[in-house]
Amino acid sequence: MQIGSSLFLLAAGAILAFAVQDSINGVDLTMVGYILIAVGALGLIVSLVLSGRSRDRRGEVPPPR
């Protein structure tokens, strides 16, 4: 999951959790919003950690043999 899609999930979740007042039978839109926020935050953390790790490795020079 990339940073952009994580931000999209965060925004969509916040809209569902805090701004939508409609209801669908059998679906709690507030809980769906909270789930999307959690998934987006987790994806953002993972993608930032992975991009930081790949940036650190680019500057390394392999040891001579």
PDB file of N, CA and C in Angstrom:
ATOM      1  N   MET A   1       0.853  -1.163   0.000  1.00  0.00           N
ATOM      2  CA  MET A   1       0.000   0.000   0.000  1.00  0.00           C
ATOM      3  C   MET A   1       0.906   1.235   0.000  1.00  0.00           C
ATOM      4  N   GLN A   2       0.644   2.135  -0.873  1.00  0.00           N
ATOM      5  CA  GLN A   2       1.447   3.350  -0.985  1.00  0.00           C
ATOM      6  C   GLN A   2       0.905   4.436  -0.058  1.00  0.00           C
ATOM      7  N   ILE A   3       1.661   5.510   0.061  1.00  0.00           N
ATOM      8  CA  ILE A   3       1.286   6.602   0.954  1.00  0.00           C
ATOM      9  C   ILE A   3      -0.005   7.270   0.487  1.00  0.00           C
ATOM     10  N   GLY A   4      -0.163   7.431  -0.808  1.00  0.00           N
ATOM     11  CA  GLY A   4      -1.365   8.082  -1.336  1.00  0.00           C
ATOM     12  C   GLY A   4      -2.638   7.302  -1.059  1.00  0.00           C
ATOM     13  N   SER A   5      -2.584   5.997  -1.223  1.00  0.00           N
ATOM     14  CA  SER A   5      -3.776   5.197  -0.948  1.00  0.00           C
ATOM     15  C   SER A   5      -4.071   5.155   0.549  1.00  0.00           C
ATOM     16  N   SER A   6      -3.052   5.216   1.384  1.00  0.00           N
ATOM     17  CA  SER A   6      -3.269   5.270   2.826  1.00  0.00           C
ATOM     18  C   SER A   6      -3.954   6.576   3.219  1.00  0.00           C
ATOM     19  N   LEU A   7      -3.522   7.673   2.620  1.00  0.00           N
ATOM     20  CA  LEU A   7      -4.158   8.958   2.898  1.00  0.00           C
ATOM     21  C   LEU A   7      -5.602   8.981   2.404  1.00  0.00           C
ATOM     22  N   PHE A   8      -5.860   8.331   1.272  1.00  0.00           N
ATOM     23  CA  PHE A   8      -7.217   8.249   0.767  1.00  0.00           C
ATOM     24  C   PHE A   8      -8.111   7.470   1.736  1.00  0.00           C
ATOM     25  N   LEU A   9      -7.601   6.345   2.260  1.00  0.00           N
ATOM     26  CA  LEU A   9      -8.383   5.559   3.214  1.00  0.00           C
ATOM     27  C   LEU A   9      -8.632   6.349   4.496  1.00  0.00           C
ATOM     28  N   LEU A  10      -7.651   7.096   4.950  1.00  0.00           N
ATOM     29  CA  LEU A  10      -7.839   7.937   6.129  1.00  0.00           C
ATOM     30  C   LEU A  10      -8.933   8.983   5.893  1.00  0.00           C
ATOM     31  N   ALA A  11      -8.898   9.633   4.741  1.00  0.00           N
ATOM     32  CA  ALA A  11      -9.888  10.665   4.436  1.00  0.00           C
ATOM     33  C   ALA A  11     -11.287  10.071   4.279  1.00  0.00           C
ATOM     34  N   ALA A  12     -11.386   8.966   3.564  1.00  0.00           N
ATOM     35  CA  ALA A  12     -12.698   8.328   3.372  1.00  0.00           C
ATOM     36  C   ALA A  12     -13.257   7.835   4.703  1.00  0.00           C
ATOM     37  N   GLY A  13     -12.389   7.287   5.547  1.00  0.00           N
ATOM     38  CA  GLY A  13     -12.834   6.833   6.856  1.00  0.00           C
ATOM     39  C   GLY A  13     -13.300   7.976   7.739  1.00  0.00           C
ATOM     40  N   ALA A  14     -12.580   9.090   7.694  1.00  0.00           N
ATOM     41  CA  ALA A  14     -12.980  10.249   8.497  1.00  0.00           C
ATOM     42  C   ALA A  14     -14.318  10.812   8.021  1.00  0.00           C
ATOM     43  N   ILE A  15     -14.530  10.814   6.722  1.00  0.00           N
ATOM     44  CA  ILE A  15     -15.814  11.289   6.197  1.00  0.00           C
ATOM     45  C   ILE A  15     -16.944  10.378   6.662  1.00  0.00           C
ATOM     46  N   LEU A  16     -16.743   9.066   6.561  1.00  0.00           N
ATOM     47  CA  LEU A  16     -17.784   8.138   6.995  1.00  0.00           C
ATOM     48  C   LEU A  16     -18.014   8.202   8.504  1.00  0.00           C
ATOM     49  N   ALA A  17     -16.943   8.340   9.267  1.00  0.00           N
ATOM     50  CA  ALA A  17     -17.068   8.309  10.720  1.00  0.00           C
ATOM     51  C   ALA A  17     -17.676   9.590  11.287  1.00  0.00           C
ATOM     52  N   PHE A  18     -17.325  10.735  10.717  1.00  0.00           N
ATOM     53  CA  PHE A  18     -17.696  11.992  11.352  1.00  0.00           C
ATOM     54  C   PHE A  18     -18.700  12.845  10.578  1.00  0.00           C
ATOM     55  N   ALA A  19     -18.850  12.642   9.271  1.00  0.00           N
ATOM     56  CA  ALA A  19     -19.676  13.555   8.488  1.00  0.00           C
ATOM     57  C   ALA A  19     -20.956  12.940   7.951  1.00  0.00           C
ATOM     58  N   VAL A  20     -21.015  11.638   7.786  1.00  0.00           N
ATOM     59  CA  VAL A  20     -22.187  11.009   7.181  1.00  0.00           C
ATOM     60  C   VAL A  20     -23.232  10.736   8.250  1.00  0.00           C
ATOM     61  N   GLN A  21     -24.455  11.171   7.985  1.00  0.00           N
ATOM     62  CA  GLN A  21     -25.552  10.961   8.927  1.00  0.00           C
ATOM     63  C   GLN A  21     -26.547   9.923   8.442  1.00  0.00           C
ATOM     64  N   ASP A  22     -26.394   9.421   7.223  1.00  0.00           N
ATOM     65  CA  ASP A  22     -27.308   8.418   6.688  1.00  0.00           C
ATOM     66  C   ASP A  22     -27.071   7.078   7.367  1.00  0.00           C
ATOM     67  N   SER A  23     -27.984   6.157   7.102  1.00  0.00           N
ATOM     68  CA  SER A  23     -27.812   4.803   7.639  1.00  0.00           C
ATOM     69  C   SER A  23     -28.218   3.795   6.581  1.00  0.00           C
ATOM     70  N   ILE A  24     -27.568   2.660   6.621  1.00  0.00           N
ATOM     71  CA  ILE A  24     -27.879   1.539   5.743  1.00  0.00           C
ATOM     72  C   ILE A  24     -28.249   0.378   6.654  1.00  0.00           C
ATOM     73  N   ASN A  25     -29.310  -0.331   6.298  1.00  0.00           N
ATOM     74  CA  ASN A  25     -29.747  -1.448   7.131  1.00  0.00           C
ATOM     75  C   ASN A  25     -28.641  -2.487   7.257  1.00  0.00           C
ATOM     76  N   GLY A  26     -28.264  -2.800   8.488  1.00  0.00           N
ATOM     77  CA  GLY A  26     -27.270  -3.826   8.738  1.00  0.00           C
ATOM     78  C   GLY A  26     -25.835  -3.359   8.631  1.00  0.00           C
ATOM     79  N   VAL A  27     -25.591  -2.070   8.339  1.00  0.00           N
ATOM     80  CA  VAL A  27     -24.223  -1.556   8.203  1.00  0.00           C
ATOM     81  C   VAL A  27     -24.082  -0.323   9.089  1.00  0.00           C
ATOM     82  N   ASP A  28     -23.129  -0.365   9.993  1.00  0.00           N
ATOM     83  CA  ASP A  28     -22.836   0.783  10.836  1.00  0.00           C
ATOM     84  C   ASP A  28     -21.739   1.599  10.145  1.00  0.00           C
ATOM     85  N   LEU A  29     -22.139   2.696   9.515  1.00  0.00           N
ATOM     86  CA  LEU A  29     -21.191   3.491   8.726  1.00  0.00           C
ATOM     87  C   LEU A  29     -20.111   4.126   9.598  1.00  0.00           C
ATOM     88  N   THR A  30     -20.435   4.428  10.839  1.00  0.00           N
ATOM     89  CA  THR A  30     -19.430   4.981  11.738  1.00  0.00           C
ATOM     90  C   THR A  30     -18.327   3.959  11.999  1.00  0.00           C
ATOM     91  N   MET A  31     -18.706   2.703  12.219  1.00  0.00           N
ATOM     92  CA  MET A  31     -17.706   1.659  12.468  1.00  0.00           C
ATOM     93  C   MET A  31     -16.889   1.383  11.205  1.00  0.00           C
ATOM     94  N   VAL A  32     -17.530   1.414  10.052  1.00  0.00           N
ATOM     95  CA  VAL A  32     -16.791   1.246   8.793  1.00  0.00           C
ATOM     96  C   VAL A  32     -15.775   2.376   8.644  1.00  0.00           C
ATOM     97  N   GLY A  33     -16.154   3.586   9.020  1.00  0.00           N
ATOM     98  CA  GLY A  33     -15.230   4.715   8.969  1.00  0.00           C
ATOM     99  C   GLY A  33     -14.050   4.527   9.887  1.00  0.00           C
ATOM    100  N   TYR A  34     -14.305   4.053  11.106  1.00  0.00           N
ATOM    101  CA  TYR A  34     -13.205   3.808  12.040  1.00  0.00           C
ATOM    102  C   TYR A  34     -12.274   2.707  11.540  1.00  0.00           C
ATOM    103  N   ILE A  35     -12.844   1.691  10.926  1.00  0.00           N
ATOM    104  CA  ILE A  35     -12.017   0.611  10.369  1.00  0.00           C
ATOM    105  C   ILE A  35     -11.139   1.146   9.240  1.00  0.00           C
ATOM    106  N   LEU A  36     -11.705   1.976   8.366  1.00  0.00           N
ATOM    107  CA  LEU A  36     -10.916   2.557   7.273  1.00  0.00           C
ATOM    108  C   LEU A  36      -9.811   3.462   7.813  1.00  0.00           C
ATOM    109  N   ILE A  37     -10.095   4.205   8.876  1.00  0.00           N
ATOM    110  CA  ILE A  37      -9.070   5.052   9.485  1.00  0.00           C
ATOM    111  C   ILE A  37      -7.934   4.189  10.024  1.00  0.00           C
ATOM    112  N   ALA A  38      -8.277   3.094  10.695  1.00  0.00           N
ATOM    113  CA  ALA A  38      -7.253   2.206  11.256  1.00  0.00           C
ATOM    114  C   ALA A  38      -6.402   1.568  10.163  1.00  0.00           C
ATOM    115  N   VAL A  39      -7.042   1.099   9.102  1.00  0.00           N
ATOM    116  CA  VAL A  39      -6.299   0.477   8.000  1.00  0.00           C
ATOM    117  C   VAL A  39      -5.415   1.509   7.298  1.00  0.00           C
ATOM    118  N   GLY A  40      -5.936   2.705   7.102  1.00  0.00           N
ATOM    119  CA  GLY A  40      -5.143   3.757   6.479  1.00  0.00           C
ATOM    120  C   GLY A  40      -3.948   4.158   7.323  1.00  0.00           C
ATOM    121  N   ALA A  41      -4.135   4.262   8.640  1.00  0.00           N
ATOM    122  CA  ALA A  41      -3.026   4.615   9.524  1.00  0.00           C
ATOM    123  C   ALA A  41      -1.975   3.511   9.539  1.00  0.00           C
ATOM    124  N   LEU A  42      -2.417   2.264   9.598  1.00  0.00           N
ATOM    125  CA  LEU A  42      -1.476   1.148   9.570  1.00  0.00           C
ATOM    126  C   LEU A  42      -0.710   1.109   8.255  1.00  0.00           C
ATOM    127  N   GLY A  43      -1.402   1.310   7.136  1.00  0.00           N
ATOM    128  CA  GLY A  43      -0.745   1.333   5.834  1.00  0.00           C
ATOM    129  C   GLY A  43       0.236   2.487   5.704  1.00  0.00           C
ATOM    130  N   LEU A  44      -0.107   3.630   6.280  1.00  0.00           N
ATOM    131  CA  LEU A  44       0.795   4.785   6.235  1.00  0.00           C
ATOM    132  C   LEU A  44       2.061   4.508   7.032  1.00  0.00           C
ATOM    133  N   ILE A  45       1.916   3.921   8.208  1.00  0.00           N
ATOM    134  CA  ILE A  45       3.087   3.604   9.035  1.00  0.00           C
ATOM    135  C   ILE A  45       3.976   2.591   8.333  1.00  0.00           C
ATOM    136  N   VAL A  46       3.373   1.541   7.785  1.00  0.00           N
ATOM    137  CA  VAL A  46       4.162   0.501   7.111  1.00  0.00           C
ATOM    138  C   VAL A  46       4.878   1.071   5.894  1.00  0.00           C
ATOM    139  N   SER A  47       4.197   1.873   5.097  1.00  0.00           N
ATOM    140  CA  SER A  47       4.834   2.406   3.894  1.00  0.00           C
ATOM    141  C   SER A  47       5.953   3.400   4.253  1.00  0.00           C
ATOM    142  N   LEU A  48       5.788   4.176   5.325  1.00  0.00           N
ATOM    143  CA  LEU A  48       6.859   5.080   5.729  1.00  0.00           C
ATOM    144  C   LEU A  48       8.065   4.313   6.258  1.00  0.00           C
ATOM    145  N   VAL A  49       7.821   3.255   7.010  1.00  0.00           N
ATOM    146  CA  VAL A  49       8.932   2.447   7.517  1.00  0.00           C
ATOM    147  C   VAL A  49       9.670   1.783   6.366  1.00  0.00           C
ATOM    148  N   LEU A  50       8.937   1.222   5.428  1.00  0.00           N
ATOM    149  CA  LEU A  50       9.584   0.548   4.300  1.00  0.00           C
ATOM    150  C   LEU A  50      10.329   1.523   3.400  1.00  0.00           C
ATOM    151  N   SER A  51       9.796   2.712   3.201  1.00  0.00           N
ATOM    152  CA  SER A  51      10.507   3.676   2.365  1.00  0.00           C
ATOM    153  C   SER A  51      11.749   4.193   3.083  1.00  0.00           C
ATOM    154  N   GLY A  52      11.707   4.298   4.394  1.00  0.00           N
ATOM    155  CA  GLY A  52      12.880   4.713   5.153  1.00  0.00           C
ATOM    156  C   GLY A  52      13.973   3.670   5.113  1.00  0.00           C
ATOM    157  N   ARG A  53      13.596   2.405   5.163  1.00  0.00           N
ATOM    158  CA  ARG A  53      14.586   1.331   5.096  1.00  0.00           C
ATOM    159  C   ARG A  53      15.249   1.294   3.734  1.00  0.00           C
ATOM    160  N   SER A  54      14.478   1.490   2.667  1.00  0.00           N
ATOM    161  CA  SER A  54      15.074   1.429   1.329  1.00  0.00           C
ATOM    162  C   SER A  54      15.978   2.631   1.083  1.00  0.00           C
ATOM    163  N   ARG A  55      15.664   3.771   1.684  1.00  0.00           N
ATOM    164  CA  ARG A  55      16.515   4.948   1.542  1.00  0.00           C
ATOM    165  C   ARG A  55      17.846   4.759   2.248  1.00  0.00           C
ATOM    166  N   ASP A  56      17.834   4.090   3.388  1.00  0.00           N
ATOM    167  CA  ASP A  56      19.078   3.870   4.123  1.00  0.00           C
ATOM    168  C   ASP A  56      20.016   2.942   3.369  1.00  0.00           C
ATOM    169  N   ARG A  57      19.495   1.990   2.661  1.00  0.00           N
ATOM    170  CA  ARG A  57      20.330   1.006   1.976  1.00  0.00           C
ATOM    171  C   ARG A  57      20.970   1.534   0.698  1.00  0.00           C
ATOM    172  N   ARG A  58      20.422   2.579   0.117  1.00  0.00           N
ATOM    173  CA  ARG A  58      20.966   3.084  -1.150  1.00  0.00           C
ATOM    174  C   ARG A  58      22.361   3.661  -0.985  1.00  0.00           C
ATOM    175  N   GLY A  59      22.666   4.224   0.174  1.00  0.00           N
ATOM    176  CA  GLY A  59      23.954   4.863   0.372  1.00  0.00           C
ATOM    177  C   GLY A  59      25.047   3.907   0.793  1.00  0.00           C
ATOM    178  N   GLU A  60      24.693   2.670   1.108  1.00  0.00           N
ATOM    179  CA  GLU A  60      25.695   1.718   1.566  1.00  0.00           C
ATOM    180  C   GLU A  60      26.525   1.200   0.415  1.00  0.00           C
ATOM    181  N   VAL A  61      27.790   1.016   0.692  1.00  0.00           N
ATOM    182  CA  VAL A  61      28.708   0.437  -0.293  1.00  0.00           C
ATOM    183  C   VAL A  61      29.045  -0.953   0.202  1.00  0.00           C
ATOM    184  N   PRO A  62      28.948  -1.952  -0.658  1.00  0.00           N
ATOM    185  CA  PRO A  62      29.265  -3.299  -0.205  1.00  0.00           C
ATOM    186  C   PRO A  62      30.732  -3.387   0.191  1.00  0.00           C
ATOM    187  N   PRO A  63      31.027  -4.186   1.229  1.00  0.00           N
ATOM    188  CA  PRO A  63      32.427  -4.296   1.668  1.00  0.00           C
ATOM    189  C   PRO A  63      33.286  -4.978   0.607  1.00  0.00           C
ATOM    190  N   PRO A  64      34.558  -4.574   0.509  1.00  0.00           N
ATOM    191  CA  PRO A  64      35.439  -5.194  -0.493  1.00  0.00           C
ATOM    192  C   PRO A  64      35.726  -6.644  -0.111  1.00  0.00           C
ATOM    193  N   ARG A  65      35.984  -7.453  -1.124  1.00  0.00           N
ATOM    194  CA  ARG A  65      36.262  -8.872  -0.887  1.00  0.00           C
ATOM    195  C   ARG A  65      37.725  -9.155  -0.895  1.00  0.00           C
TER     196      ARG A  65
END
